[in-house]
Amino acid sequence: MARNTGSKHKLCRMFGEKLCEAAKCPAVRRPYKAGVHWQRRSRVSEYGQQLREKQKAKFIYGLLEAQFRRTYLRASKERGVTGTRLLQLLEMRLDNVVFRSGLASTRHQARQLVTHGFVQINGKKVDIPSYEVKPGDHLAVRETRLESKYWDEVKVRLTKYKSPEWLEVNAKELAAKILTLPTGEMLDTRINPQLIVEHYSR
């Protein structure tokens, strides 16, 4: 299965902002591009801004170009604002929902939990990271996987974790319910979906 394996902090420095889930990201202390000549670089073109926004979204959600393009094409054919629908489809990926629910500290870790068969949806095992969950679905850790000591740490972390408004998390049972589709400020505000739409509409 293809995935990004490069340095995440290097990409954060390239974009000049924290995009990873790490607590100690160098982009927090140095929110600018690496290199002594970064201030002299010419202004980014309109196309460059659009491309940058698409690359940001791909990096944040851990998708490759082909996966991301398929998601965009689907969003463009559905009802509603294409940019908003694109972000909703990305948020409703199973690996992202596992991350948003607090069961994993990073999206990469969430992807591993899913592919290794730790997660079930509505009582059925699902090991496909791109699986699309829907409002009303119940996500939980499979009983046969609860023996791992990792879950004791997760339960402690979930006591202080604040989940998104569109998720209802049960820390005791290591489960979550998808309440609704994320909208407005519930979506990732670091991404400007309109620039992505303009990039693919060229």
C-alpha atoms as a PDB file:
ATOM      1  CA  MET A   1       0.000   0.000   0.000  1.00  0.00           C
ATOM      2  CA  ALA A   2       1.540   3.299  -1.098  1.00  0.00           C
ATOM      3  CA  ARG A   3       2.023   6.000   1.513  1.00  0.00           C
ATOM      4  CA  ASN A   4       4.214   8.980   2.360  1.00  0.00           C
ATOM      5  CA  THR A   5       7.346   7.918   4.249  1.00  0.00           C
ATOM      6  CA  GLY A   6       9.419  11.113   4.164  1.00  0.00           C
ATOM      7  CA  SER A   7      10.195  13.510   6.997  1.00  0.00           C
ATOM      8  CA  LYS A   8       7.022  15.188   8.264  1.00  0.00           C
ATOM      9  CA  HIS A   9       8.837  18.064   9.987  1.00  0.00           C
ATOM     10  CA  LYS A  10      10.697  18.853   6.779  1.00  0.00           C
ATOM     11  CA  LEU A  11       7.361  19.410   5.050  1.00  0.00           C
ATOM     12  CA  CYS A  12       6.114  21.550   7.937  1.00  0.00           C
ATOM     13  CA  ARG A  13       9.176  23.782   7.562  1.00  0.00           C
ATOM     14  CA  MET A  14       8.652  23.911   3.802  1.00  0.00           C
ATOM     15  CA  PHE A  15       5.096  25.234   4.272  1.00  0.00           C
ATOM     16  CA  GLY A  16       6.161  27.461   7.165  1.00  0.00           C
ATOM     17  CA  GLU A  17       3.459  26.196   9.530  1.00  0.00           C
ATOM     18  CA  LYS A  18       2.663  23.216  11.759  1.00  0.00           C
ATOM     19  CA  LEU A  19       0.784  20.611   9.731  1.00  0.00           C
ATOM     20  CA  CYS A  20       1.739  17.407  11.567  1.00  0.00           C
ATOM     21  CA  GLU A  21       0.255  16.117  14.832  1.00  0.00           C
ATOM     22  CA  ALA A  22       3.549  16.052  16.765  1.00  0.00           C
ATOM     23  CA  ALA A  23       3.612  17.971  20.055  1.00  0.00           C
ATOM     24  CA  LYS A  24       7.085  19.347  19.351  1.00  0.00           C
ATOM     25  CA  CYS A  25       7.122  20.521  15.745  1.00  0.00           C
ATOM     26  CA  PRO A  26      10.008  22.830  14.697  1.00  0.00           C
ATOM     27  CA  ALA A  27       7.557  24.922  12.666  1.00  0.00           C
ATOM     28  CA  VAL A  28       5.951  26.157  15.906  1.00  0.00           C
ATOM     29  CA  ARG A  29       9.174  27.799  17.074  1.00  0.00           C
ATOM     30  CA  ARG A  30      10.284  28.758  13.566  1.00  0.00           C
ATOM     31  CA  PRO A  31       7.139  29.467  11.483  1.00  0.00           C
ATOM     32  CA  TYR A  32       9.004  30.190   8.264  1.00  0.00           C
ATOM     33  CA  LYS A  33      10.741  28.275   5.523  1.00  0.00           C
ATOM     34  CA  ALA A  34      14.160  26.773   6.141  1.00  0.00           C
ATOM     35  CA  GLY A  35      17.269  28.448   4.728  1.00  0.00           C
ATOM     36  CA  VAL A  36      18.999  31.794   5.189  1.00  0.00           C
ATOM     37  CA  HIS A  37      17.576  33.238   1.977  1.00  0.00           C
ATOM     38  CA  TRP A  38      13.899  32.481   2.627  1.00  0.00           C
ATOM     39  CA  GLN A  39      13.024  36.186   3.000  1.00  0.00           C
ATOM     40  CA  ARG A  40      14.421  37.046  -0.424  1.00  0.00           C
ATOM     41  CA  ARG A  41      12.321  34.553  -2.334  1.00  0.00           C
ATOM     42  CA  SER A  42       9.945  36.044  -4.874  1.00  0.00           C
ATOM     43  CA  ARG A  43       6.220  36.275  -4.314  1.00  0.00           C
ATOM     44  CA  VAL A  44       4.331  33.035  -4.943  1.00  0.00           C
ATOM     45  CA  SER A  45       2.208  33.085  -8.110  1.00  0.00           C
ATOM     46  CA  GLU A  46      -1.526  32.392  -8.145  1.00  0.00           C
ATOM     47  CA  TYR A  47      -0.881  28.909  -9.486  1.00  0.00           C
ATOM     48  CA  GLY A  48       1.772  28.385  -6.805  1.00  0.00           C
ATOM     49  CA  GLN A  49      -0.706  29.293  -4.068  1.00  0.00           C
ATOM     50  CA  GLN A  50      -3.270  26.859  -5.460  1.00  0.00           C
ATOM     51  CA  LEU A  51      -0.711  24.065  -5.749  1.00  0.00           C
ATOM     52  CA  ARG A  52       0.579  24.761  -2.248  1.00  0.00           C
ATOM     53  CA  GLU A  53      -2.927  24.446  -0.795  1.00  0.00           C
ATOM     54  CA  LYS A  54      -3.490  21.121  -2.537  1.00  0.00           C
ATOM     55  CA  GLN A  55      -0.135  19.803  -1.302  1.00  0.00           C
ATOM     56  CA  LYS A  56      -0.983  20.920   2.240  1.00  0.00           C
ATOM     57  CA  ALA A  57      -4.264  18.993   2.205  1.00  0.00           C
ATOM     58  CA  LYS A  58      -2.575  15.883   0.807  1.00  0.00           C
ATOM     59  CA  PHE A  59       0.075  16.012   3.520  1.00  0.00           C
ATOM     60  CA  ILE A  60      -2.349  16.640   6.391  1.00  0.00           C
ATOM     61  CA  TYR A  61      -4.619  13.722   5.456  1.00  0.00           C
ATOM     62  CA  GLY A  62      -1.803  11.432   4.263  1.00  0.00           C
ATOM     63  CA  LEU A  63      -3.033  10.907   0.698  1.00  0.00           C
ATOM     64  CA  LEU A  64      -1.091  10.509  -2.518  1.00  0.00           C
ATOM     65  CA  GLU A  65      -1.976  12.395  -5.712  1.00  0.00           C
ATOM     66  CA  ALA A  66      -4.149   9.699  -7.295  1.00  0.00           C
ATOM     67  CA  GLN A  67      -6.175   9.198  -4.099  1.00  0.00           C
ATOM     68  CA  PHE A  68      -6.622  12.921  -3.604  1.00  0.00           C
ATOM     69  CA  ARG A  69      -7.671  13.533  -7.189  1.00  0.00           C
ATOM     70  CA  ARG A  70     -10.285  10.758  -7.019  1.00  0.00           C
ATOM     71  CA  THR A  71     -11.684  12.324  -3.863  1.00  0.00           C
ATOM     72  CA  TYR A  72     -11.856  15.735  -5.531  1.00  0.00           C
ATOM     73  CA  LEU A  73     -13.582  14.344  -8.650  1.00  0.00           C
ATOM     74  CA  ARG A  74     -16.195  12.692  -6.473  1.00  0.00           C
ATOM     75  CA  ALA A  75     -16.757  15.913  -4.508  1.00  0.00           C
ATOM     76  CA  SER A  76     -17.169  17.864  -7.760  1.00  0.00           C
ATOM     77  CA  LYS A  77     -19.996  15.544  -8.875  1.00  0.00           C
ATOM     78  CA  GLU A  78     -21.987  15.686  -5.647  1.00  0.00           C
ATOM     79  CA  ARG A  79     -24.443  18.303  -4.427  1.00  0.00           C
ATOM     80  CA  GLY A  80     -23.240  21.281  -2.440  1.00  0.00           C
ATOM     81  CA  VAL A  81     -20.112  23.418  -2.490  1.00  0.00           C
ATOM     82  CA  THR A  82     -17.280  21.372  -3.986  1.00  0.00           C
ATOM     83  CA  GLY A  83     -14.607  22.655  -1.590  1.00  0.00           C
ATOM     84  CA  THR A  84     -16.686  21.949   1.508  1.00  0.00           C
ATOM     85  CA  ARG A  85     -17.719  18.536   0.217  1.00  0.00           C
ATOM     86  CA  LEU A  86     -14.057  17.700  -0.472  1.00  0.00           C
ATOM     87  CA  LEU A  87     -13.075  18.425   3.127  1.00  0.00           C
ATOM     88  CA  GLN A  88     -16.069  16.445   4.386  1.00  0.00           C
ATOM     89  CA  LEU A  89     -15.027  13.393   2.366  1.00  0.00           C
ATOM     90  CA  LEU A  90     -11.495  13.683   3.740  1.00  0.00           C
ATOM     91  CA  GLU A  91     -12.758  14.027   7.321  1.00  0.00           C
ATOM     92  CA  MET A  92     -15.054  11.018   6.992  1.00  0.00           C
ATOM     93  CA  ARG A  93     -12.249   8.647   6.019  1.00  0.00           C
ATOM     94  CA  LEU A  94     -11.998   5.905   8.646  1.00  0.00           C
ATOM     95  CA  ASP A  95      -8.334   6.575   9.460  1.00  0.00           C
ATOM     96  CA  ASN A  96      -9.125  10.254  10.045  1.00  0.00           C
ATOM     97  CA  VAL A  97     -12.153   9.449  12.236  1.00  0.00           C
ATOM     98  CA  VAL A  98     -10.017   7.131  14.382  1.00  0.00           C
ATOM     99  CA  PHE A  99      -7.554  10.001  14.800  1.00  0.00           C
ATOM    100  CA  ARG A 100     -10.268  12.583  15.524  1.00  0.00           C
ATOM    101  CA  SER A 101     -11.827  10.291  18.130  1.00  0.00           C
ATOM    102  CA  GLY A 102      -8.565  10.249  20.102  1.00  0.00           C
ATOM    103  CA  LEU A 103      -7.939   6.511  19.683  1.00  0.00           C
ATOM    104  CA  ALA A 104      -4.691   7.398  17.915  1.00  0.00           C
ATOM    105  CA  SER A 105      -2.342  10.315  18.489  1.00  0.00           C
ATOM    106  CA  THR A 106      -1.530  10.755  14.769  1.00  0.00           C
ATOM    107  CA  ARG A 107      -3.221   9.934  11.476  1.00  0.00           C
ATOM    108  CA  HIS A 108      -0.338   7.620  10.614  1.00  0.00           C
ATOM    109  CA  GLN A 109      -0.929   5.663  13.812  1.00  0.00           C
ATOM    110  CA  ALA A 110      -4.680   5.616  13.091  1.00  0.00           C
ATOM    111  CA  ARG A 111      -3.971   4.175   9.654  1.00  0.00           C
ATOM    112  CA  GLN A 112      -1.935   1.380  11.237  1.00  0.00           C
ATOM    113  CA  LEU A 113      -4.682   0.564  13.738  1.00  0.00           C
ATOM    114  CA  VAL A 114      -7.181   0.249  10.894  1.00  0.00           C
ATOM    115  CA  THR A 115      -5.004  -1.844   8.566  1.00  0.00           C
ATOM    116  CA  HIS A 116      -4.027  -4.180  11.423  1.00  0.00           C
ATOM    117  CA  GLY A 117      -7.675  -4.928  12.162  1.00  0.00           C
ATOM    118  CA  PHE A 118      -8.145  -3.116  15.481  1.00  0.00           C
ATOM    119  CA  VAL A 119     -11.269  -1.216  14.427  1.00  0.00           C
ATOM    120  CA  GLN A 120     -14.872  -2.157  13.749  1.00  0.00           C
ATOM    121  CA  ILE A 121     -17.780  -0.176  12.341  1.00  0.00           C
ATOM    122  CA  ASN A 122     -21.293  -1.123  13.456  1.00  0.00           C
ATOM    123  CA  GLY A 123     -19.925  -4.383  14.845  1.00  0.00           C
ATOM    124  CA  LYS A 124     -18.070  -5.411  11.677  1.00  0.00           C
ATOM    125  CA  LYS A 125     -14.289  -5.398  11.209  1.00  0.00           C
ATOM    126  CA  VAL A 126     -13.069  -2.817   8.689  1.00  0.00           C
ATOM    127  CA  ASP A 127      -9.384  -2.685   7.698  1.00  0.00           C
ATOM    128  CA  ILE A 128      -9.560  -0.158   4.856  1.00  0.00           C
ATOM    129  CA  PRO A 129      -8.245   3.317   5.868  1.00  0.00           C
ATOM    130  CA  SER A 130     -10.209   5.056   3.110  1.00  0.00           C
ATOM    131  CA  TYR A 131     -13.520   3.486   4.178  1.00  0.00           C
ATOM    132  CA  GLU A 132     -16.143   6.242   4.394  1.00  0.00           C
ATOM    133  CA  VAL A 133     -18.070   6.431   7.649  1.00  0.00           C
ATOM    134  CA  LYS A 134     -21.487   8.054   7.748  1.00  0.00           C
ATOM    135  CA  PRO A 135     -23.580   9.888  10.363  1.00  0.00           C
ATOM    136  CA  GLY A 136     -25.068   7.330  12.733  1.00  0.00           C
ATOM    137  CA  ASP A 137     -22.196   4.854  12.408  1.00  0.00           C
ATOM    138  CA  HIS A 138     -20.652   3.418  15.573  1.00  0.00           C
ATOM    139  CA  LEU A 139     -16.882   3.010  15.726  1.00  0.00           C
ATOM    140  CA  ALA A 140     -15.218   0.816  18.352  1.00  0.00           C
ATOM    141  CA  VAL A 141     -12.095  -1.181  19.107  1.00  0.00           C
ATOM    142  CA  ARG A 142     -12.623  -4.898  18.498  1.00  0.00           C
ATOM    143  CA  GLU A 143     -12.905  -6.959  21.691  1.00  0.00           C
ATOM    144  CA  THR A 144     -10.213  -9.379  20.520  1.00  0.00           C
ATOM    145  CA  ARG A 145      -7.751  -6.452  20.367  1.00  0.00           C
ATOM    146  CA  LEU A 146      -8.449  -4.922  23.777  1.00  0.00           C
ATOM    147  CA  GLU A 147      -5.732  -6.936  25.535  1.00  0.00           C
ATOM    148  CA  SER A 148      -3.004  -4.570  24.328  1.00  0.00           C
ATOM    149  CA  LYS A 149      -1.557  -2.292  27.044  1.00  0.00           C
ATOM    150  CA  TYR A 150      -1.721   0.525  24.520  1.00  0.00           C
ATOM    151  CA  TRP A 151      -5.436   0.966  25.270  1.00  0.00           C
ATOM    152  CA  ASP A 152      -4.769   1.659  28.957  1.00  0.00           C
ATOM    153  CA  GLU A 153      -2.731   4.678  27.878  1.00  0.00           C
ATOM    154  CA  VAL A 154      -5.455   5.744  25.458  1.00  0.00           C
ATOM    155  CA  LYS A 155      -8.137   5.666  28.179  1.00  0.00           C
ATOM    156  CA  VAL A 156      -6.033   7.964  30.334  1.00  0.00           C
ATOM    157  CA  ARG A 157      -5.467  10.340  27.403  1.00  0.00           C
ATOM    158  CA  LEU A 158      -9.173  10.381  26.499  1.00  0.00           C
ATOM    159  CA  THR A 159     -10.129  11.697  29.942  1.00  0.00           C
ATOM    160  CA  LYS A 160      -8.617  15.053  28.925  1.00  0.00           C
ATOM    161  CA  TYR A 161      -9.362  14.838  25.195  1.00  0.00           C
ATOM    162  CA  LYS A 162     -11.905  17.157  23.612  1.00  0.00           C
ATOM    163  CA  SER A 163     -13.428  15.549  20.540  1.00  0.00           C
ATOM    164  CA  PRO A 164     -14.851  17.485  17.549  1.00  0.00           C
ATOM    165  CA  GLU A 165     -18.512  18.493  17.740  1.00  0.00           C
ATOM    166  CA  TRP A 166     -19.485  15.979  15.072  1.00  0.00           C
ATOM    167  CA  LEU A 167     -18.184  13.044  17.158  1.00  0.00           C
ATOM    168  CA  GLU A 168     -19.404  11.563  20.435  1.00  0.00           C
ATOM    169  CA  VAL A 169     -16.590   9.665  22.154  1.00  0.00           C
ATOM    170  CA  ASN A 170     -17.020   7.078  24.911  1.00  0.00           C
ATOM    171  CA  ALA A 171     -13.639   6.889  26.648  1.00  0.00           C
ATOM    172  CA  LYS A 172     -14.601   3.965  28.882  1.00  0.00           C
ATOM    173  CA  GLU A 173     -15.698   1.726  26.017  1.00  0.00           C
ATOM    174  CA  LEU A 174     -13.118   3.036  23.518  1.00  0.00           C
ATOM    175  CA  ALA A 175     -15.876   3.831  21.068  1.00  0.00           C
ATOM    176  CA  ALA A 176     -17.290   6.758  19.138  1.00  0.00           C
ATOM    177  CA  LYS A 177     -20.461   7.673  17.290  1.00  0.00           C
ATOM    178  CA  ILE A 178     -20.537   9.867  14.194  1.00  0.00           C
ATOM    179  CA  LEU A 179     -23.269  12.430  14.919  1.00  0.00           C
ATOM    180  CA  THR A 180     -23.263  14.490  11.736  1.00  0.00           C
ATOM    181  CA  LEU A 181     -21.177  15.679   8.813  1.00  0.00           C
ATOM    182  CA  PRO A 182     -18.615  18.305   9.863  1.00  0.00           C
ATOM    183  CA  THR A 183     -19.397  21.790   8.534  1.00  0.00           C
ATOM    184  CA  GLY A 184     -18.029  25.318   8.826  1.00  0.00           C
ATOM    185  CA  GLU A 185     -15.494  25.717  11.629  1.00  0.00           C
ATOM    186  CA  MET A 186     -15.685  21.976  12.373  1.00  0.00           C
ATOM    187  CA  LEU A 187     -13.581  21.448   9.240  1.00  0.00           C
ATOM    188  CA  ASP A 188      -9.801  21.971   9.150  1.00  0.00           C
ATOM    189  CA  THR A 189      -9.350  25.747   9.027  1.00  0.00           C
ATOM    190  CA  ARG A 190      -5.715  25.443   7.895  1.00  0.00           C
ATOM    191  CA  ILE A 191      -6.911  24.517   4.408  1.00  0.00           C
ATOM    192  CA  ASN A 192      -8.513  26.871   1.881  1.00  0.00           C
ATOM    193  CA  PRO A 193     -10.604  24.469  -0.242  1.00  0.00           C
ATOM    194  CA  GLN A 194     -11.474  27.157  -2.782  1.00  0.00           C
ATOM    195  CA  LEU A 195      -7.831  27.307  -3.913  1.00  0.00           C
ATOM    196  CA  ILE A 196      -7.859  23.527  -4.416  1.00  0.00           C
ATOM    197  CA  VAL A 197     -11.009  23.772  -6.533  1.00  0.00           C
ATOM    198  CA  GLU A 198      -9.395  26.532  -8.612  1.00  0.00           C
ATOM    199  CA  HIS A 199      -6.266  24.385  -9.062  1.00  0.00           C
ATOM    200  CA  TYR A 200      -8.219  21.429 -10.484  1.00  0.00           C
ATOM    201  CA  SER A 201     -10.460  23.722 -12.549  1.00  0.00           C
ATOM    202  CA  ARG A 202      -7.588  25.160 -14.570  1.00  0.00           C
END
